Amino acid sequence: MLIACVALALLLAACSTSNAAGNQQPNASTLPYNVSVAAIREFPVVTPQSGLMRPAVDSAGNIWFGEMAGNKLGRLDPHTGKVQEWQPPHADYGIMGIVADKQGHIWFAEQNAGYIGEVFPGTTTPTFKIFPTPPRPDKYTSGPNDLAFDQHGNLWITEQSADRIDRLDVATGQFKEYPLAGSNLAHLLAPWGVAVDAKGYVWFSELSGSKLVRLDPATGAQQSYAPPTKNASLMEIATAPDGSLWFAEYLDGKIGRLDPTSGTIQEYAVPAIVSGTPASGIYGLAVDATGAVWFTDAGDNAVGQFQPSSGQFTFYPIPTAQSVPYGLAIDSARNVWFTEGASNVNAVGMVPGASA
């Protein structure tokens, strides 16, 4: 029932088939773009073929990430380049979303084992606490995927195998469940990314349903918004300083913007910077404090930046070929961190903030 590795499998497939005859091309973009020569740094991870997933930045500037194939949680000290790894209790090769709280604790979703983990970082060995997520009605694991904190310190979780959004009260350990409208466990909508806006609304994307959905925590009401592109497989989402929602369209090589006031959606086709290779595998996405939108582009083996005010794209090619850039996070110095998911690469990369 679980689809824990679906995103990584899709990314690898997109990279291996992007030049195949008959592959569907994204709509041509007339938007301008630059290719930057900024020096991307790459930090190798200790365990080979570890299957790096999403990164997160803690208050000390360390980069945390899950290792799907290595069944470990990793931490990179960017000042020394040292990587430390730990195996969480009862881990089952399913660490996906990671987020840091205001106290410096790290929270992660263990998709296959069906729990949320809390990490208390120490000077040597961190300690762990786990919160099992409520299973599906048929007792299968709910498949927790992505995480986001709200203004009250509650943790919101997409449960992709249960077609559900959960709220975890971190003080009591209690979960509140919000089933997706129109859910059918035989044909999952598969909620994927999650974000909380300034008004406290919870937004999530549907991988299979290809919609953005706004959840009102007070009433449980859900409002869905469908982008013009059908079956786009929506992945990561993020809120912007102006209150808009940005999202990655994985299959069609686009990023999109939703105006929550009007409900209108605008899509931007990502230009292909490699001749004959369409932009595809748009997965990781984040918005920085200036409103610039950053994303990973597996088809072009690059990290991209989009400036909404000018419509300008800037691309930062990754030195290692076919690295499969995956998750993405931005630190306080505007360094952009990303994971490289290809088994032969196995590194964490960084676009320096001075180039942003």
Protein backbone atom coordinates (compact mmCIF):
# COMPACT_ATOMS: atom_id res chain seq x y z
CA MET A 1 0.00 0.00 0.00
CA LEU A 2 2.86 2.37 0.68
CA ILE A 3 4.33 4.65 -1.93
CA ALA A 4 7.23 5.85 0.16
CA CYS A 5 9.77 5.92 -2.66
CA VAL A 6 7.42 7.13 -5.39
CA ALA A 7 8.94 10.61 -5.69
CA LEU A 8 12.51 9.36 -5.87
CA ALA A 9 11.50 6.71 -8.40
CA LEU A 10 9.73 9.33 -10.50
CA LEU A 11 12.76 11.59 -10.37
CA LEU A 12 15.10 8.86 -11.51
CA ALA A 13 12.69 7.88 -14.28
CA ALA A 14 12.38 11.47 -15.44
CA CYS A 15 16.14 11.84 -15.67
CA SER A 16 16.60 8.57 -17.53
CA THR A 17 13.83 9.21 -20.07
CA SER A 18 14.06 12.95 -20.64
CA ASN A 19 15.72 12.47 -24.03
CA ALA A 20 13.55 9.56 -25.12
CA ALA A 21 11.61 9.85 -28.36
CA GLY A 22 7.99 10.69 -27.84
CA ASN A 23 8.53 12.10 -24.35
CA GLN A 24 5.94 14.79 -23.68
CA GLN A 25 7.45 18.27 -23.90
CA PRO A 26 6.48 21.07 -21.54
CA ASN A 27 4.99 24.21 -23.05
CA ALA A 28 7.67 26.43 -24.48
CA SER A 29 8.50 29.36 -22.23
CA THR A 30 9.29 32.81 -23.60
CA LEU A 31 10.47 34.03 -20.21
CA PRO A 32 14.11 35.17 -20.06
CA TYR A 33 16.75 33.22 -18.20
CA ASN A 34 20.39 33.37 -17.14
CA VAL A 35 22.86 30.60 -16.39
CA SER A 36 25.03 31.46 -13.40
CA VAL A 37 28.65 30.49 -12.90
CA ALA A 38 28.32 30.60 -9.10
CA ALA A 39 30.44 27.92 -7.48
CA ILE A 40 28.15 25.26 -6.08
CA ARG A 41 29.68 23.31 -3.20
CA GLU A 42 29.03 19.60 -2.75
CA PHE A 43 29.41 17.69 0.53
CA PRO A 44 29.69 13.88 0.22
CA VAL A 45 27.61 11.74 2.57
CA VAL A 46 29.28 8.92 4.48
CA THR A 47 26.96 6.01 3.65
CA PRO A 48 27.14 5.07 -0.05
CA GLN A 49 23.95 5.00 -2.12
CA SER A 50 22.03 6.39 0.86
CA GLY A 51 19.00 7.75 -1.02
CA LEU A 52 18.96 11.34 0.23
CA MET A 53 15.57 12.93 0.77
CA ARG A 54 14.45 16.40 1.89
CA PRO A 55 16.83 18.68 3.84
CA ALA A 56 16.07 21.04 6.73
CA VAL A 57 18.18 23.71 8.42
CA ASP A 58 18.35 23.98 12.21
CA SER A 59 18.95 27.13 14.29
CA ALA A 60 22.70 26.47 14.35
CA GLY A 61 22.87 26.23 10.55
CA ASN A 62 23.31 22.45 10.42
CA ILE A 63 21.66 20.60 7.53
CA TRP A 64 19.52 17.57 8.42
CA PHE A 65 18.29 14.98 5.94
CA GLY A 66 16.82 11.52 5.72
CA GLU A 67 18.57 8.65 3.99
CA MET A 68 15.83 6.48 2.51
CA ALA A 69 18.13 3.71 1.27
CA GLY A 70 20.53 3.94 4.20
CA ASN A 71 17.76 3.88 6.85
CA LYS A 72 19.46 6.74 8.66
CA LEU A 73 19.09 10.36 9.71
CA GLY A 74 22.03 12.55 8.74
CA ARG A 75 23.40 15.91 9.87
CA LEU A 76 25.92 18.03 7.98
CA ASP A 77 27.99 20.70 9.70
CA PRO A 78 28.52 23.14 6.81
CA HIS A 79 31.47 24.80 8.55
CA THR A 80 33.54 21.62 8.74
CA GLY A 81 31.88 19.46 6.10
CA LYS A 82 31.50 16.69 8.69
CA VAL A 83 28.50 14.40 8.27
CA GLN A 84 27.13 12.37 11.17
CA GLU A 85 24.49 9.65 10.83
CA TRP A 86 22.15 7.86 13.23
CA GLN A 87 19.56 5.13 12.82
CA PRO A 88 16.29 6.20 14.50
CA PRO A 89 14.37 3.66 16.59
CA HIS A 90 12.11 1.31 14.60
CA ALA A 91 13.12 3.01 11.35
CA ASP A 92 11.99 1.22 8.19
CA TYR A 93 13.75 3.00 5.29
CA GLY A 94 11.10 5.71 5.10
CA ILE A 95 12.40 9.06 6.40
CA MET A 96 10.82 11.80 4.29
CA GLY A 97 9.87 15.30 5.51
CA ILE A 98 12.06 17.05 8.10
CA VAL A 99 11.54 20.34 9.94
CA ALA A 100 13.21 22.14 12.86
CA ASP A 101 11.19 23.76 15.67
CA LYS A 102 11.94 26.94 17.64
CA GLN A 103 13.59 24.93 20.44
CA GLY A 104 16.12 23.43 18.05
CA HIS A 105 14.48 20.00 17.99
CA ILE A 106 14.28 18.14 14.69
CA TRP A 107 11.06 16.47 13.58
CA PHE A 108 10.80 13.91 10.79
CA ALA A 109 8.23 11.67 9.13
CA GLU A 110 9.05 7.95 9.01
CA GLN A 111 6.72 6.96 6.22
CA ASN A 112 7.14 3.20 6.16
CA ALA A 113 7.16 2.75 9.93
CA GLY A 114 4.23 5.14 10.34
CA TYR A 115 5.46 7.59 12.94
CA ILE A 116 6.64 11.13 13.56
CA GLY A 117 10.04 11.35 15.21
CA GLU A 118 11.35 14.09 17.48
CA VAL A 119 15.10 14.45 17.78
CA PHE A 120 16.82 16.11 20.72
CA PRO A 121 20.22 17.02 19.26
CA GLY A 122 23.11 16.53 21.64
CA THR A 123 26.82 17.17 21.49
CA THR A 124 27.51 13.53 20.64
CA THR A 125 24.47 11.30 20.17
CA PRO A 126 20.94 12.70 19.75
CA THR A 127 18.01 11.10 21.57
CA PHE A 128 14.72 10.26 19.90
CA LYS A 129 11.03 10.26 20.78
CA ILE A 130 8.41 8.76 18.46
CA PHE A 131 4.72 9.49 17.92
CA PRO A 132 2.97 6.67 15.96
CA THR A 133 0.46 8.12 13.50
CA PRO A 134 -3.10 6.71 13.50
CA PRO A 135 -3.27 3.84 10.98
CA ARG A 136 -5.73 3.59 8.12
CA PRO A 137 -9.08 1.88 8.76
CA ASP A 138 -7.62 -1.31 7.26
CA LYS A 139 -4.70 -1.06 9.74
CA TYR A 140 -2.09 -0.23 7.10
CA THR A 141 0.29 2.59 7.97
CA SER A 142 -0.85 6.11 7.10
CA GLY A 143 2.38 7.00 5.26
CA PRO A 144 3.33 10.35 6.87
CA ASN A 145 5.14 12.45 4.29
CA ASP A 146 5.65 16.21 4.72
CA LEU A 147 5.64 18.44 7.82
CA ALA A 148 4.94 22.07 8.73
CA PHE A 149 4.45 23.92 12.02
CA ASP A 150 1.66 26.43 12.57
CA GLN A 151 1.78 29.60 14.66
CA HIS A 152 0.67 27.69 17.78
CA GLY A 153 3.42 25.08 17.58
CA ASN A 154 1.18 22.32 16.23
CA LEU A 155 2.73 20.04 13.63
CA TRP A 156 0.77 19.40 10.43
CA ILE A 157 1.41 16.24 8.45
CA THR A 158 0.37 14.93 5.05
CA GLU A 159 -0.60 11.26 5.35
CA GLN A 160 -0.34 10.15 1.75
CA SER A 161 -1.27 6.48 2.17
CA ALA A 162 -4.34 7.36 4.27
CA ASP A 163 -5.53 10.37 2.21
CA ARG A 164 -5.53 12.42 5.37
CA ILE A 165 -4.07 15.53 6.99
CA ASP A 166 -3.12 15.13 10.64
CA ARG A 167 -2.39 17.69 13.31
CA LEU A 168 -0.06 16.66 16.11
CA ASP A 169 -0.27 18.52 19.41
CA VAL A 170 3.39 18.20 20.34
CA ALA A 171 2.69 18.95 24.00
CA THR A 172 0.18 16.10 24.49
CA GLY A 173 1.17 13.77 21.67
CA GLN A 174 -2.45 13.68 20.45
CA PHE A 175 -3.37 13.57 16.77
CA LYS A 176 -6.43 15.13 15.14
CA GLU A 177 -7.35 13.68 11.75
CA TYR A 178 -8.78 15.52 8.74
CA PRO A 179 -9.76 13.07 5.94
CA LEU A 180 -9.49 14.50 2.43
CA ALA A 181 -12.71 15.49 0.73
CA GLY A 182 -13.51 12.95 -1.98
CA SER A 183 -11.01 10.45 -0.63
CA ASN A 184 -11.12 6.86 -1.83
CA LEU A 185 -8.48 4.56 -0.36
CA ALA A 186 -8.62 2.39 -3.47
CA HIS A 187 -7.54 5.38 -5.59
CA LEU A 188 -5.50 7.68 -3.40
CA LEU A 189 -5.32 11.44 -3.91
CA ALA A 190 -1.96 11.20 -2.10
CA PRO A 191 -1.49 14.49 -0.23
CA TRP A 192 2.16 15.49 -0.56
CA GLY A 193 3.52 18.93 0.36
CA VAL A 194 2.15 21.05 3.21
CA ALA A 195 2.48 24.69 4.30
CA VAL A 196 0.74 27.01 6.76
CA ASP A 197 0.00 30.61 5.77
CA ALA A 198 0.01 33.74 7.93
CA LYS A 199 -3.73 33.41 8.60
CA GLY A 200 -3.33 29.89 9.96
CA TYR A 201 -4.83 28.08 6.97
CA VAL A 202 -3.18 24.78 6.11
CA TRP A 203 -2.37 24.22 2.44
CA PHE A 204 -1.43 20.93 0.85
CA SER A 205 -0.82 19.52 -2.60
CA GLU A 206 -2.18 16.31 -4.07
CA LEU A 207 0.25 14.16 -6.00
CA SER A 208 -2.44 12.06 -7.70
CA GLY A 209 -5.35 14.49 -7.45
CA SER A 210 -3.21 17.30 -8.93
CA LYS A 211 -4.90 19.99 -6.85
CA LEU A 212 -4.02 22.50 -4.17
CA VAL A 213 -6.28 22.37 -1.14
CA ARG A 214 -6.85 24.87 1.68
CA LEU A 215 -7.91 23.42 5.03
CA ASP A 216 -9.51 25.60 7.69
CA PRO A 217 -8.40 24.04 11.01
CA ALA A 218 -11.25 25.69 12.89
CA THR A 219 -14.03 24.12 10.82
CA GLY A 220 -12.34 21.34 8.85
CA ALA A 221 -13.67 22.89 5.63
CA GLN A 222 -11.59 22.24 2.51
CA GLN A 223 -11.40 24.35 -0.65
CA SER A 224 -9.59 22.92 -3.68
CA TYR A 225 -7.92 24.72 -6.58
CA ALA A 226 -6.98 22.95 -9.82
CA PRO A 227 -4.17 24.34 -12.00
CA PRO A 228 -4.75 24.62 -15.77
CA THR A 229 -2.35 21.74 -16.45
CA LYS A 230 -4.09 18.41 -15.87
CA ASN A 231 -2.39 15.53 -14.06
CA ALA A 232 0.66 17.64 -13.27
CA SER A 233 1.58 15.69 -10.11
CA LEU A 234 1.94 18.55 -7.64
CA MET A 235 4.84 18.20 -5.24
CA GLU A 236 6.33 20.74 -2.82
CA ILE A 237 4.50 23.95 -1.91
CA ALA A 238 5.55 27.13 -0.08
CA THR A 239 4.05 30.40 1.07
CA ALA A 240 5.49 33.71 -0.13
CA PRO A 241 5.84 37.03 1.73
CA ASP A 242 2.92 38.47 -0.28
CA GLY A 243 0.61 35.67 0.88
CA SER A 244 0.62 33.74 -2.39
CA LEU A 245 1.21 29.97 -2.63
CA TRP A 246 3.86 28.53 -4.94
CA PHE A 247 4.02 24.91 -6.03
CA ALA A 248 6.07 22.53 -8.16
CA GLU A 249 4.49 20.66 -11.08
CA TYR A 250 6.65 17.61 -11.28
CA LEU A 251 5.73 16.04 -14.61
CA ASP A 252 5.28 19.10 -16.82
CA GLY A 253 8.30 21.15 -15.85
CA LYS A 254 6.38 24.09 -14.42
CA ILE A 255 6.05 26.13 -11.28
CA GLY A 256 2.75 27.69 -10.31
CA ARG A 257 1.41 30.56 -8.21
CA LEU A 258 -1.97 30.66 -6.50
CA ASP A 259 -3.48 33.97 -5.40
CA PRO A 260 -5.58 32.86 -2.41
CA THR A 261 -7.72 36.02 -2.53
CA SER A 262 -8.93 35.60 -6.09
CA GLY A 263 -8.34 31.87 -6.41
CA THR A 264 -6.51 32.35 -9.70
CA ILE A 265 -3.53 30.23 -10.66
CA GLN A 266 -0.72 31.25 -12.98
CA GLU A 267 1.77 28.72 -14.33
CA TYR A 268 5.31 29.36 -15.54
CA ALA A 269 7.00 26.86 -17.83
CA VAL A 270 10.58 26.34 -16.72
CA PRO A 271 12.95 26.95 -19.67
CA ALA A 272 15.13 24.02 -20.69
CA ILE A 273 18.78 25.02 -20.45
CA VAL A 274 20.14 21.77 -21.90
CA SER A 275 19.56 21.38 -25.63
CA GLY A 276 17.07 18.61 -26.39
CA THR A 277 16.26 18.03 -22.74
CA PRO A 278 12.96 19.38 -21.41
CA ALA A 279 12.77 20.78 -17.92
CA SER A 280 11.24 18.05 -15.76
CA GLY A 281 11.43 16.61 -12.29
CA ILE A 282 10.54 19.91 -10.62
CA TYR A 283 10.30 18.69 -7.05
CA GLY A 284 11.89 20.78 -4.28
CA LEU A 285 10.57 24.32 -3.93
CA ALA A 286 11.05 27.15 -1.41
CA VAL A 287 10.49 30.91 -1.32
CA ASP A 288 13.10 33.14 0.29
CA ALA A 289 12.54 36.31 2.32
CA THR A 290 12.71 38.50 -0.80
CA GLY A 291 9.98 36.53 -2.58
CA ALA A 292 12.34 34.73 -4.98
CA VAL A 293 11.21 31.19 -5.77
CA TRP A 294 13.84 28.44 -5.71
CA PHE A 295 13.35 24.95 -7.14
CA THR A 296 15.21 21.80 -8.11
CA ASP A 297 15.19 20.82 -11.79
CA ALA A 298 16.28 17.22 -12.31
CA GLY A 299 15.82 17.36 -16.10
CA ASP A 300 18.39 20.15 -16.39
CA ASN A 301 20.52 18.93 -13.45
CA ALA A 302 20.29 22.38 -11.92
CA VAL A 303 18.88 24.49 -9.12
CA GLY A 304 16.67 27.27 -10.44
CA GLN A 305 15.55 30.66 -9.16
CA PHE A 306 12.53 32.60 -10.42
CA GLN A 307 11.93 36.29 -9.77
CA PRO A 308 8.16 36.92 -9.95
CA SER A 309 8.59 40.70 -10.29
CA SER A 310 10.66 40.44 -13.48
CA GLY A 311 9.75 36.98 -14.79
CA GLN A 312 13.47 36.18 -14.87
CA PHE A 313 14.81 32.65 -14.36
CA THR A 314 18.38 32.03 -13.20
CA PHE A 315 19.87 28.53 -13.24
CA TYR A 316 22.77 27.14 -11.25
CA PRO A 317 24.08 23.99 -12.99
CA ILE A 318 25.22 21.26 -10.62
CA PRO A 319 28.85 20.23 -11.25
CA THR A 320 28.17 16.49 -10.94
CA ALA A 321 26.28 15.16 -13.95
CA GLN A 322 22.89 13.47 -13.50
CA SER A 323 22.89 14.19 -9.79
CA VAL A 324 19.05 14.17 -9.48
CA PRO A 325 18.54 17.25 -7.28
CA TYR A 326 15.70 16.52 -4.89
CA GLY A 327 14.68 18.43 -1.74
CA LEU A 328 15.60 22.04 -1.06
CA ALA A 329 15.93 24.38 1.95
CA ILE A 330 17.21 27.94 2.53
CA ASP A 331 19.24 29.04 5.55
CA SER A 332 19.36 32.44 7.26
CA ALA A 333 22.25 33.58 5.05
CA ARG A 334 20.19 32.70 1.93
CA ASN A 335 22.42 29.75 1.08
CA VAL A 336 20.26 27.28 -0.82
CA TRP A 337 20.78 23.67 0.25
CA PHE A 338 19.67 20.67 -1.77
CA THR A 339 20.07 16.91 -1.78
CA GLU A 340 21.43 14.93 -4.72
CA GLY A 341 19.47 11.71 -4.90
CA ALA A 342 21.34 9.74 -7.57
CA SER A 343 22.93 6.65 -6.05
CA ASN A 344 26.28 7.37 -7.71
CA VAL A 345 26.41 10.95 -6.36
CA ASN A 346 25.25 10.81 -2.75
CA ALA A 347 25.91 14.40 -1.69
CA VAL A 348 24.38 17.53 -0.24
CA GLY A 349 24.84 20.61 -2.42
CA MET A 350 24.80 24.34 -1.71
CA VAL A 351 24.25 27.42 -3.88
CA PRO A 352 26.07 30.22 -2.00
CA GLY A 353 23.90 33.02 -0.72
CA ALA A 354 26.09 35.72 -2.22
CA SER A 355 24.87 34.63 -5.66
CA ALA A 356 21.18 34.80 -4.75
